[in-house]
């Protein structure tokens, strides 16, 4: 797993000036290279000329090329997602407008918004067809600040321009390789003891000190509070290490990225812990080796109205409980391999309160936290296809085991990791007539697709909204005595299955 560790640098005035010059050169070179690459130029073909013009080494050009290719790939994918989101938004907006009376003020305002969104969608589609890429280095928000200087805290346009130029030159990247000494040719770490490393950074020829023409490297010290063990292991194994230097209000920081070799502990008990991520909580269901639920748990997780730091703290506390349950139960964790945009689209239309929570649903952050914490704890994480998990859970398991809809979906996620059957229950309602011959060989998901369509049709016809359970932002803390399957994090586990099943599972833990 790729991990990044950072530290703040304590540089003298001379070293800080060379860092600033490196950042300014990197910014100019990166913007130029982006314009050439977006225009269709081959980066390999222009490499010799580019290196001579900006006075950078071949390896420094490779770092610029790597960064630009990543930005271009991101722009292309983000544009696809924006187009799909706008198309969905316009479709829902059109349906809402059709329900409003002609001539009403609300209808007029929605029509105005519809036209603005349609113009934006048309521009994105034209750019996609013409292969045009747009990227504002320094940030669009900071660029637009020049049109309202006083409101953004600038005395005049010169002050804004100074801030703008500083933002466009506040970082540079050094690419590593496993074939190079210490994992990187342009920047190398040498441990000196007590978590302190001697750093040797290769400077571009354009920013070398004219008073010392032979000094092509800048040396300084860096101390890491976290990640010492992983960095030392990477240096010993010759694993590639890449460096990113960022300038902030308190000076320059160094970020080291490298692959960390973890030890995954195989599950010592059959079963799995399924997780269903929702806008206001995590639904967990612990399953035994026979596919039966042993415990279900709802962990509140509301990030609406939180700052980034508060959201990360709440996510961390919730994921800590998840990891604790998996460790005690001795099972792996199962999550959905889900497209975030599809998840958000599926949750839309659930009311104003849900929409507010959805706007702050840090789905990717939750997944990343689960994977990272599980990696550190040696727990296997498996991703499964998310198709029809909610429909199957609601119609097949919720009533049978007394689970909530989300708890039943988490059970389906866990069962799917062990390839348990997903055939519909043999009830009189589902077997009143024999299935026609043309459908006997079809996949079981075709049945659940039809059930999902029927359910959505009934919901639209009834006009009822899905009930939302009350949620609080508080995350119960771990008990001092560790994690217990009966009371995890202070929350009593729900008795959703007979005690004999729970007893058998707990007996296996002893």
Protein backbone atom coordinates (compact mmCIF):
# COMPACT_ATOMS: atom_id res chain seq x y z
CA UNK A 1 0.00 0.00 0.00
CA UNK A 2 1.27 3.46 -0.89
CA UNK A 3 1.75 5.61 2.20
CA UNK A 4 2.81 9.24 2.56
CA UNK A 5 4.63 10.70 5.57
CA UNK A 6 5.37 14.38 6.06
CA UNK A 7 7.53 16.67 8.11
CA UNK A 8 8.08 20.40 8.35
CA UNK A 9 11.52 21.62 7.29
CA UNK A 10 13.65 24.03 9.27
CA UNK A 11 15.57 25.83 6.51
CA UNK A 12 17.98 28.73 6.71
CA UNK A 13 17.42 31.82 4.58
CA UNK A 14 19.69 30.64 1.75
CA UNK A 15 18.08 27.20 1.49
CA UNK A 16 14.57 28.71 1.66
CA UNK A 17 15.43 31.07 -1.20
CA UNK A 18 16.60 28.15 -3.36
CA UNK A 19 13.41 26.27 -2.49
CA UNK A 20 11.36 29.27 -3.59
CA UNK A 21 13.31 29.47 -6.85
CA UNK A 22 12.83 25.73 -7.44
CA UNK A 23 9.06 26.11 -6.87
CA UNK A 24 8.81 29.08 -9.24
CA UNK A 25 10.74 27.21 -11.97
CA UNK A 26 8.66 24.06 -11.44
CA UNK A 27 5.43 26.09 -11.75
CA UNK A 28 6.46 27.76 -15.02
CA UNK A 29 7.72 24.51 -16.50
CA UNK A 30 4.60 22.61 -15.45
CA UNK A 31 2.24 25.18 -16.98
CA UNK A 32 4.20 25.20 -20.23
CA UNK A 33 4.29 21.42 -20.39
CA UNK A 34 0.55 21.21 -19.73
CA UNK A 35 -0.17 23.62 -22.59
CA UNK A 36 2.00 21.53 -24.94
CA UNK A 37 0.52 18.21 -23.82
CA UNK A 38 -3.07 19.52 -23.99
CA UNK A 39 -2.31 20.75 -27.51
CA UNK A 40 -1.38 17.24 -28.63
CA UNK A 41 2.42 17.47 -28.46
CA UNK A 42 4.38 14.31 -27.73
CA UNK A 43 6.22 14.84 -24.45
CA UNK A 44 8.98 12.39 -25.42
CA UNK A 45 9.66 14.29 -28.64
CA UNK A 46 10.00 17.70 -26.99
CA UNK A 47 12.05 16.44 -24.03
CA UNK A 48 15.56 17.48 -25.21
CA UNK A 49 14.44 20.96 -26.25
CA UNK A 50 12.40 21.44 -23.07
CA UNK A 51 15.28 20.39 -20.79
CA UNK A 52 17.61 22.84 -22.50
CA UNK A 53 15.12 25.72 -22.33
CA UNK A 54 14.27 25.36 -18.63
CA UNK A 55 17.68 23.99 -17.59
CA UNK A 56 16.33 20.90 -15.86
CA UNK A 57 17.75 17.39 -15.81
CA UNK A 58 16.20 14.48 -17.65
CA UNK A 59 14.94 13.01 -14.38
CA UNK A 60 13.36 16.33 -13.37
CA UNK A 61 11.58 16.43 -16.74
CA UNK A 62 10.26 12.92 -16.06
CA UNK A 63 8.78 14.16 -12.77
CA UNK A 64 7.08 17.05 -14.57
CA UNK A 65 5.77 14.68 -17.26
CA UNK A 66 4.46 12.25 -14.65
CA UNK A 67 2.64 15.06 -12.85
CA UNK A 68 1.12 16.48 -16.04
CA UNK A 69 -0.09 13.09 -17.29
CA UNK A 70 -1.80 12.53 -13.94
CA UNK A 71 -3.50 15.95 -14.09
CA UNK A 72 -4.71 15.34 -17.66
CA UNK A 73 -6.10 11.90 -16.80
CA UNK A 74 -7.88 13.42 -13.79
CA UNK A 75 -9.38 16.23 -15.89
CA UNK A 76 -10.73 13.76 -18.44
CA UNK A 77 -12.36 11.55 -15.82
CA UNK A 78 -13.74 14.45 -13.78
CA UNK A 79 -15.31 15.93 -16.91
CA UNK A 80 -17.09 12.62 -17.61
CA UNK A 81 -18.46 12.61 -14.07
CA UNK A 82 -19.57 16.25 -14.30
CA UNK A 83 -21.40 15.58 -17.57
CA UNK A 84 -23.18 12.55 -16.10
CA UNK A 85 -24.08 14.50 -12.95
CA UNK A 86 -25.41 17.47 -14.95
CA UNK A 87 -27.50 15.19 -17.15
CA UNK A 88 -29.02 13.59 -14.06
CA UNK A 89 -29.55 16.97 -12.40
CA UNK A 90 -31.28 18.39 -15.49
CA UNK A 91 -33.57 15.37 -15.75
CA UNK A 92 -34.67 15.76 -12.12
CA UNK A 93 -35.02 19.50 -12.55
CA UNK A 94 -37.26 19.01 -15.59
CA UNK A 95 -39.48 16.64 -13.61
CA UNK A 96 -39.73 19.16 -10.77
CA UNK A 97 -40.59 22.01 -13.16
CA UNK A 98 -43.38 19.95 -14.74
CA UNK A 99 -45.13 19.75 -11.35
CA UNK A 100 -45.10 23.54 -10.76
CA UNK A 101 -47.92 25.81 -11.98
CA UNK A 102 -47.32 27.97 -15.03
CA UNK A 103 -46.31 31.54 -14.27
CA UNK A 104 -45.22 30.85 -10.70
CA UNK A 105 -42.09 32.52 -9.34
CA UNK A 106 -40.58 29.20 -8.26
CA UNK A 107 -41.05 27.74 -11.75
CA UNK A 108 -39.40 30.82 -13.26
CA UNK A 109 -36.35 30.50 -10.99
CA UNK A 110 -36.00 26.80 -11.72
CA UNK A 111 -36.15 27.56 -15.44
CA UNK A 112 -33.32 30.06 -15.02
CA UNK A 113 -31.21 27.50 -13.21
CA UNK A 114 -32.07 24.90 -15.83
CA UNK A 115 -30.78 27.20 -18.58
CA UNK A 116 -27.52 27.90 -16.74
CA UNK A 117 -26.91 24.20 -16.21
CA UNK A 118 -27.74 23.42 -19.84
CA UNK A 119 -25.22 26.02 -21.04
CA UNK A 120 -22.55 24.52 -18.78
CA UNK A 121 -23.37 21.02 -20.02
CA UNK A 122 -23.16 22.17 -23.66
CA UNK A 123 -19.73 23.71 -23.04
CA UNK A 124 -18.43 20.55 -21.38
CA UNK A 125 -19.70 18.43 -24.24
CA UNK A 126 -18.05 20.73 -26.80
CA UNK A 127 -14.76 20.60 -24.92
CA UNK A 128 -15.01 16.82 -24.75
CA UNK A 129 -15.69 16.54 -28.48
CA UNK A 130 -12.88 18.97 -29.39
CA UNK A 131 -10.40 17.52 -26.90
CA UNK A 132 -10.02 20.84 -25.04
CA UNK A 133 -8.64 20.68 -21.49
CA UNK A 134 -9.03 23.55 -19.03
CA UNK A 135 -6.97 23.85 -15.86
CA UNK A 136 -6.44 26.96 -13.73
CA UNK A 137 -3.06 26.66 -11.99
CA UNK A 138 -3.31 28.42 -8.65
CA UNK A 139 -7.04 27.77 -8.30
CA UNK A 140 -10.09 29.33 -9.88
CA UNK A 141 -11.31 30.80 -6.60
CA UNK A 142 -8.07 32.70 -6.08
CA UNK A 143 -8.09 33.85 -9.72
CA UNK A 144 -11.62 35.28 -9.42
CA UNK A 145 -10.63 37.13 -6.23
CA UNK A 146 -9.05 39.88 -8.38
CA UNK A 147 -12.52 41.01 -9.45
CA UNK A 148 -13.54 41.80 -5.86
CA UNK A 149 -10.34 42.78 -4.08
CA UNK A 150 -11.77 44.31 -0.90
CA UNK A 151 -14.08 41.38 -0.14
CA UNK A 152 -11.14 38.98 -0.47
CA UNK A 153 -8.76 40.96 1.74
CA UNK A 154 -6.49 42.57 -0.89
CA UNK A 155 -5.51 46.23 -0.73
CA UNK A 156 -4.92 46.50 -4.47
CA UNK A 157 -4.35 44.45 -7.59
CA UNK A 158 -0.60 44.25 -6.97
CA UNK A 159 -1.20 42.52 -3.63
CA UNK A 160 -3.53 40.04 -5.30
CA UNK A 161 -1.01 39.35 -8.07
CA UNK A 162 1.74 38.64 -5.55
CA UNK A 163 -0.49 36.13 -3.77
CA UNK A 164 -1.56 34.62 -7.10
CA UNK A 165 2.02 34.10 -8.28
CA UNK A 166 3.02 32.62 -4.92
CA UNK A 167 0.16 30.10 -5.16
CA UNK A 168 1.34 29.03 -8.62
CA UNK A 169 4.84 28.28 -7.37
CA UNK A 170 4.27 26.74 -3.96
CA UNK A 171 5.29 23.14 -4.71
CA UNK A 172 7.57 20.88 -6.69
CA UNK A 173 7.75 17.13 -7.20
CA UNK A 174 10.69 14.70 -7.33
CA UNK A 175 9.95 11.31 -8.89
CA UNK A 176 11.55 8.17 -7.47
CA UNK A 177 12.42 4.78 -8.96
CA UNK A 178 13.36 1.40 -7.51
CA UNK A 179 16.34 1.25 -9.90
CA UNK A 180 17.97 4.33 -8.35
CA UNK A 181 20.11 4.69 -5.25
CA UNK A 182 17.99 5.08 -2.10
CA UNK A 183 14.89 4.82 -4.29
CA UNK A 184 15.31 8.26 -5.86
CA UNK A 185 17.99 9.98 -7.88
CA UNK A 186 16.77 13.55 -7.34
CA UNK A 187 16.31 13.39 -3.55
CA UNK A 188 17.93 10.92 -1.17
CA UNK A 189 17.52 10.25 2.55
CA UNK A 190 20.27 8.98 4.83
CA UNK A 191 19.29 8.05 8.41
CA UNK A 192 21.51 9.62 11.07
CA UNK A 193 19.65 8.30 14.13
CA UNK A 194 16.76 9.30 16.39
CA UNK A 195 14.41 9.73 13.42
CA UNK A 196 16.60 12.37 11.79
CA UNK A 197 17.63 12.05 8.15
CA UNK A 198 20.19 13.86 6.06
CA UNK A 199 18.51 14.97 2.81
CA UNK A 200 20.40 15.53 -0.45
CA UNK A 201 18.27 17.34 -3.05
CA UNK A 202 19.37 17.75 -6.68
CA UNK A 203 18.63 21.31 -7.80
CA UNK A 204 17.78 22.29 -11.39
CA UNK A 205 20.68 23.99 -13.16
CA UNK A 206 18.55 27.14 -13.51
CA UNK A 207 18.46 27.77 -9.74
CA UNK A 208 22.06 26.92 -8.83
CA UNK A 209 23.94 29.44 -6.72
CA UNK A 210 26.25 31.40 -9.09
CA UNK A 211 28.73 31.83 -6.25
CA UNK A 212 29.07 28.03 -6.01
CA UNK A 213 28.75 26.74 -9.59
CA UNK A 214 29.80 23.19 -8.69
CA UNK A 215 27.23 22.78 -5.89
CA UNK A 216 24.44 20.96 -7.73
CA UNK A 217 22.86 19.57 -4.55
CA UNK A 218 21.28 21.16 -1.51
CA UNK A 219 21.75 19.35 1.81
CA UNK A 220 19.65 19.78 4.95
CA UNK A 221 18.14 17.71 7.77
CA UNK A 222 14.59 16.41 8.26
CA UNK A 223 13.06 14.76 11.32
CA UNK A 224 10.05 12.43 11.03
CA UNK A 225 7.77 11.89 14.00
CA UNK A 226 5.77 9.20 12.19
CA UNK A 227 6.80 6.69 9.55
CA UNK A 228 10.39 6.11 10.62
CA UNK A 229 10.05 2.33 10.55
CA UNK A 230 8.42 2.34 7.12
CA UNK A 231 10.96 4.77 5.64
CA UNK A 232 13.88 2.78 6.99
CA UNK A 233 12.40 -0.45 5.60
CA UNK A 234 11.93 1.17 2.18
CA UNK A 235 15.54 2.41 2.16
CA UNK A 236 16.83 -1.03 3.14
CA UNK A 237 14.74 -2.79 0.46
CA UNK A 238 15.52 -0.27 -2.30
CA UNK A 239 11.83 0.61 -2.78
CA UNK A 240 11.02 3.68 -4.85
CA UNK A 241 10.47 6.89 -2.87
CA UNK A 242 8.92 10.02 -4.36
CA UNK A 243 9.02 13.45 -2.74
CA UNK A 244 6.69 16.42 -2.87
CA UNK A 245 7.65 19.74 -1.33
CA UNK A 246 4.84 22.14 -0.37
CA UNK A 247 5.07 25.71 0.88
CA UNK A 248 2.53 26.94 3.41
CA UNK A 249 2.11 29.83 5.85
CA UNK A 250 4.68 28.24 8.20
CA UNK A 251 7.26 27.38 5.55
CA UNK A 252 8.14 24.34 3.46
CA UNK A 253 7.02 20.77 4.17
CA UNK A 254 8.42 17.55 2.72
CA UNK A 255 6.12 14.63 1.89
CA UNK A 256 7.64 11.19 1.28
CA UNK A 257 5.56 8.58 -0.58
CA UNK A 258 6.59 4.93 -0.71
CA UNK A 259 5.11 1.44 -0.81
CA UNK A 260 4.71 -0.13 2.63
CA UNK A 261 4.85 -3.88 2.91
CA UNK A 262 2.15 -5.06 5.30
CA UNK A 263 1.43 -8.44 6.84
CA UNK A 264 -2.12 -9.62 6.25
CA UNK A 265 -3.34 -12.06 8.89
CA UNK A 266 -5.55 -14.72 7.38
CA UNK A 267 -9.00 -15.04 8.88
CA UNK A 268 -8.81 -17.56 11.72
CA UNK A 269 -12.60 -18.00 11.80
CA UNK A 270 -15.02 -18.45 8.91
CA UNK A 271 -17.32 -15.52 8.36
CA UNK A 272 -17.09 -11.87 7.43
CA UNK A 273 -18.01 -8.37 8.57
CA UNK A 274 -20.10 -6.56 5.97
CA UNK A 275 -20.28 -2.75 5.87
CA UNK A 276 -23.00 -0.69 4.21
CA UNK A 277 -22.00 2.99 4.02
CA UNK A 278 -24.85 5.50 4.26
CA UNK A 279 -25.22 9.25 4.45
CA UNK A 280 -25.64 9.35 8.24
CA UNK A 281 -24.28 6.04 9.56
CA UNK A 282 -22.37 2.83 8.94
CA UNK A 283 -24.45 -0.35 9.02
CA UNK A 284 -22.43 -3.40 10.11
CA UNK A 285 -23.47 -7.04 10.11
CA UNK A 286 -21.21 -9.79 11.45
CA UNK A 287 -21.80 -13.10 9.65
CA UNK A 288 -20.71 -16.59 10.64
CA UNK A 289 -19.32 -19.21 8.30
CA UNK A 290 -22.79 -20.48 7.37
CA UNK A 291 -23.98 -17.09 6.14
CA UNK A 292 -26.13 -16.32 9.19
CA UNK A 293 -26.01 -12.91 10.93
CA UNK A 294 -24.44 -12.98 14.36
CA UNK A 295 -24.61 -9.31 15.24
CA UNK A 296 -25.82 -6.11 13.63
CA UNK A 297 -24.70 -2.61 14.60
CA UNK A 298 -25.45 0.93 13.53
CA UNK A 299 -22.59 3.41 14.02
CA UNK A 300 -23.75 7.04 13.62
CA UNK A 301 -21.50 8.98 11.27
CA UNK A 302 -22.73 12.44 10.29
CA UNK A 303 -20.19 14.79 8.71
CA UNK A 304 -22.68 17.48 7.70
CA UNK A 305 -21.69 20.85 9.12
CA UNK A 306 -18.23 19.62 10.13
CA UNK A 307 -14.89 21.07 9.14
CA UNK A 308 -12.45 18.80 7.33
CA UNK A 309 -10.61 18.08 10.56
CA UNK A 310 -13.83 17.26 12.43
CA UNK A 311 -15.03 15.01 9.60
CA UNK A 312 -11.72 13.12 9.59
CA UNK A 313 -11.90 12.71 13.37
CA UNK A 314 -15.43 11.31 13.24
CA UNK A 315 -14.57 8.97 10.39
CA UNK A 316 -11.49 7.80 12.29
CA UNK A 317 -13.50 7.08 15.45
CA UNK A 318 -16.14 5.13 13.52
CA UNK A 319 -13.59 3.11 11.56
CA UNK A 320 -11.73 2.34 14.79
CA UNK A 321 -14.84 0.56 16.06
CA UNK A 322 -15.14 -1.37 12.79
CA UNK A 323 -11.55 -2.58 13.03
CA UNK A 324 -12.02 -3.54 16.68
CA UNK A 325 -15.01 -5.75 15.83
CA UNK A 326 -13.14 -7.46 13.00
CA UNK A 327 -10.12 -8.09 15.24
CA UNK A 328 -12.14 -9.67 18.04
CA UNK A 329 -14.25 -11.75 15.65
CA UNK A 330 -11.20 -12.82 13.64
CA UNK A 331 -12.87 -12.20 10.28
CA UNK A 332 -12.18 -10.09 7.24
CA UNK A 333 -14.02 -6.91 6.24
CA UNK A 334 -16.20 -6.75 3.14
CA UNK A 335 -17.15 -3.48 1.44
CA UNK A 336 -18.81 -2.53 -1.81
CA UNK A 337 -16.68 -1.76 -4.84
CA UNK A 338 -18.87 1.20 -5.55
CA UNK A 339 -18.73 4.19 -7.85
CA UNK A 340 -19.13 7.21 -5.59
CA UNK A 341 -21.25 9.09 -8.13
CA UNK A 342 -23.57 6.11 -8.46
CA UNK A 343 -23.86 5.92 -4.65
CA UNK A 344 -24.78 9.60 -4.42
CA UNK A 345 -27.20 9.33 -7.33
CA UNK A 346 -28.94 6.38 -5.67
CA UNK A 347 -29.40 8.36 -2.45
CA UNK A 348 -30.84 11.44 -4.15
CA UNK A 349 -34.49 12.24 -3.85
CA UNK A 350 -34.71 11.15 -0.20
CA UNK A 351 -35.71 14.55 1.16
CA UNK A 352 -34.00 17.76 2.29
CA UNK A 353 -32.40 16.27 5.40
CA UNK A 354 -30.90 13.42 3.41
CA UNK A 355 -29.71 15.82 0.70
CA UNK A 356 -27.82 17.88 3.27
CA UNK A 357 -26.09 14.85 4.72
CA UNK A 358 -25.40 13.57 1.21
CA UNK A 359 -23.59 16.77 0.29
CA UNK A 360 -21.03 16.00 3.00
CA UNK A 361 -20.90 12.21 2.59
CA UNK A 362 -17.17 11.48 2.55
CA UNK A 363 -17.63 8.08 0.93
CA UNK A 364 -14.11 7.86 -0.50
CA UNK A 365 -12.57 9.06 2.77
CA UNK A 366 -14.45 6.34 4.68
CA UNK A 367 -13.26 3.63 2.29
CA UNK A 368 -9.68 4.86 2.42
CA UNK A 369 -9.78 4.93 6.22
CA UNK A 370 -11.14 1.37 6.39
CA UNK A 371 -8.47 0.07 4.02
CA UNK A 372 -5.63 1.90 5.76
CA UNK A 373 -6.64 0.88 9.30
CA UNK A 374 -7.26 -2.71 8.20
CA UNK A 375 -3.86 -2.79 6.49
CA UNK A 376 -2.15 -1.66 9.69
CA UNK A 377 -4.09 -4.23 11.74
CA UNK A 378 -3.41 -7.09 9.31
CA UNK A 379 -7.08 -7.56 8.38
CA UNK A 380 -8.13 -8.62 4.92
CA UNK A 381 -10.45 -6.21 3.10
CA UNK A 382 -12.46 -7.57 0.19
CA UNK A 383 -14.45 -5.49 -2.30
CA UNK A 384 -17.53 -7.05 -3.89
CA UNK A 385 -19.97 -6.10 -6.62
CA UNK A 386 -22.66 -3.81 -5.13
CA UNK A 387 -25.41 -4.86 -7.54
CA UNK A 388 -28.85 -5.17 -5.89
CA UNK A 389 -27.49 -5.53 -2.34
CA UNK A 390 -30.20 -3.25 -0.92
CA UNK A 391 -33.02 -4.97 -2.81
CA UNK A 392 -31.83 -8.47 -1.88
CA UNK A 393 -31.31 -7.51 1.75
CA UNK A 394 -34.72 -5.90 2.11
CA UNK A 395 -36.73 -8.65 0.44
CA UNK A 396 -34.74 -11.74 1.40
CA UNK A 397 -33.19 -11.16 4.84
CA UNK A 398 -34.64 -8.12 6.63
CA UNK A 399 -37.88 -9.75 7.75
CA UNK A 400 -36.37 -13.21 8.22
CA UNK A 401 -33.72 -12.05 10.72
CA UNK A 402 -35.37 -8.88 12.02
CA UNK A 403 -32.70 -6.65 10.50
CA UNK A 404 -33.03 -3.09 9.32
CA UNK A 405 -32.86 -2.52 5.57
CA UNK A 406 -29.27 -1.28 5.82
CA UNK A 407 -28.26 -4.08 8.19
CA UNK A 408 -29.71 -6.59 5.73
CA UNK A 409 -27.75 -4.93 2.90
CA UNK A 410 -24.57 -5.31 4.98
CA UNK A 411 -25.40 -9.00 5.39
CA UNK A 412 -25.75 -9.41 1.61
CA UNK A 413 -22.38 -7.70 1.17
CA UNK A 414 -20.77 -10.11 3.64
CA UNK A 415 -22.45 -13.18 2.08
CA UNK A 416 -21.33 -12.16 -1.40
CA UNK A 417 -17.69 -12.40 -0.33
CA UNK A 418 -18.21 -16.14 0.29
CA UNK A 419 -20.40 -16.65 -2.81
CA UNK A 420 -23.54 -17.68 -0.94
CA UNK A 421 -26.77 -18.14 -2.88
CA UNK A 422 -28.88 -15.08 -3.65
CA UNK A 423 -31.94 -16.91 -4.92
CA UNK A 424 -35.28 -15.45 -3.78
CA UNK A 425 -37.08 -16.94 -0.83
CA UNK A 426 -39.46 -19.79 -1.61
CA UNK A 427 -42.62 -18.05 -0.48
CA UNK A 428 -46.09 -18.53 -1.88
CA UNK A 429 -45.99 -15.01 -3.33
CA UNK A 430 -42.94 -15.77 -5.42
CA UNK A 431 -43.85 -19.25 -6.68
CA UNK A 432 -47.53 -18.84 -7.51
CA UNK A 433 -46.81 -19.52 -11.16
CA UNK A 434 -44.07 -21.51 -12.80
CA UNK A 435 -41.33 -19.44 -14.40
CA UNK A 436 -41.56 -19.48 -18.22
CA UNK A 437 -38.99 -21.56 -20.07
CA UNK A 438 -37.29 -18.52 -21.60
CA UNK A 439 -36.44 -17.22 -18.11
CA UNK A 440 -35.36 -20.44 -16.38
CA UNK A 441 -31.72 -20.07 -17.35
CA UNK A 442 -31.36 -16.35 -16.62
CA UNK A 443 -29.14 -14.96 -13.88
CA UNK A 444 -30.73 -14.44 -10.49
CA UNK A 445 -29.90 -10.72 -10.65
CA UNK A 446 -32.47 -10.36 -13.44
CA UNK A 447 -35.11 -11.28 -10.87
CA UNK A 448 -33.80 -8.71 -8.40
CA UNK A 449 -33.64 -6.06 -11.13
CA UNK A 450 -37.37 -6.57 -11.78
CA UNK A 451 -38.06 -6.45 -8.03
CA UNK A 452 -36.16 -3.18 -7.77
CA UNK A 453 -38.15 -1.70 -10.63
CA UNK A 454 -41.42 -2.77 -8.98
CA UNK A 455 -40.35 -1.27 -5.66
CA UNK A 456 -39.45 2.09 -7.21
CA UNK A 457 -42.74 2.14 -9.11
CA UNK A 458 -44.71 1.52 -5.91
CA UNK A 459 -42.78 4.23 -4.06
CA UNK A 460 -43.48 6.77 -6.80
CA UNK A 461 -47.15 5.79 -6.90
CA UNK A 462 -47.59 6.06 -3.14
CA UNK A 463 -45.60 9.29 -2.92
CA UNK A 464 -44.05 8.17 0.35
CA UNK A 465 -40.55 9.11 1.33
CA UNK A 466 -38.18 6.66 2.89
CA UNK A 467 -38.13 6.97 6.66
CA UNK A 468 -34.86 8.32 8.02
CA UNK A 469 -33.83 7.17 11.49
CA UNK A 470 -32.72 9.89 13.89
CA UNK A 471 -28.97 10.45 13.79
CA UNK A 472 -26.56 12.22 16.05
CA UNK A 473 -23.03 13.30 15.39
CA UNK A 474 -21.67 11.68 18.53
CA UNK A 475 -19.44 8.65 18.02
CA UNK A 476 -19.26 6.42 21.13
CA UNK A 477 -15.69 5.79 22.21
CA UNK A 478 -14.00 2.46 22.78
CA UNK A 479 -14.15 1.03 26.23
CA UNK A 480 -10.93 0.76 28.18
CA UNK A 481 -11.26 -2.99 28.33
CA UNK A 482 -11.16 -3.48 24.56
CA UNK A 483 -13.88 -4.49 22.12
CA UNK A 484 -16.65 -6.85 23.12
CA UNK A 485 -19.06 -8.32 20.60
CA UNK A 486 -21.99 -7.82 22.96
CA UNK A 487 -21.26 -4.16 23.67
CA UNK A 488 -19.05 -2.65 20.99
CA UNK A 489 -17.99 0.89 21.76
CA UNK A 490 -20.66 1.16 24.45
CA UNK A 491 -23.48 0.25 22.03
CA UNK A 492 -25.34 -2.99 22.85
CA UNK A 493 -25.40 -5.37 19.90
CA UNK A 494 -28.85 -6.09 18.54
CA UNK A 495 -30.17 -9.58 19.23
CA UNK A 496 -31.25 -10.23 15.65
CA UNK A 497 -30.73 -14.01 15.63
CA UNK A 498 -31.34 -16.79 18.16
CA UNK A 499 -28.93 -16.87 21.08
CA UNK A 500 -27.81 -20.37 20.10
CA UNK A 501 -26.23 -18.99 16.93
CA UNK A 502 -24.53 -16.18 18.84
CA UNK A 503 -23.36 -18.61 21.48
CA UNK A 504 -21.88 -20.92 18.87
CA UNK A 505 -20.02 -18.03 17.27
CA UNK A 506 -18.72 -16.70 20.59
CA UNK A 507 -17.75 -20.21 21.59
CA UNK A 508 -15.55 -20.38 18.53
CA UNK A 509 -13.77 -17.22 19.67
CA UNK A 510 -12.67 -18.72 22.97
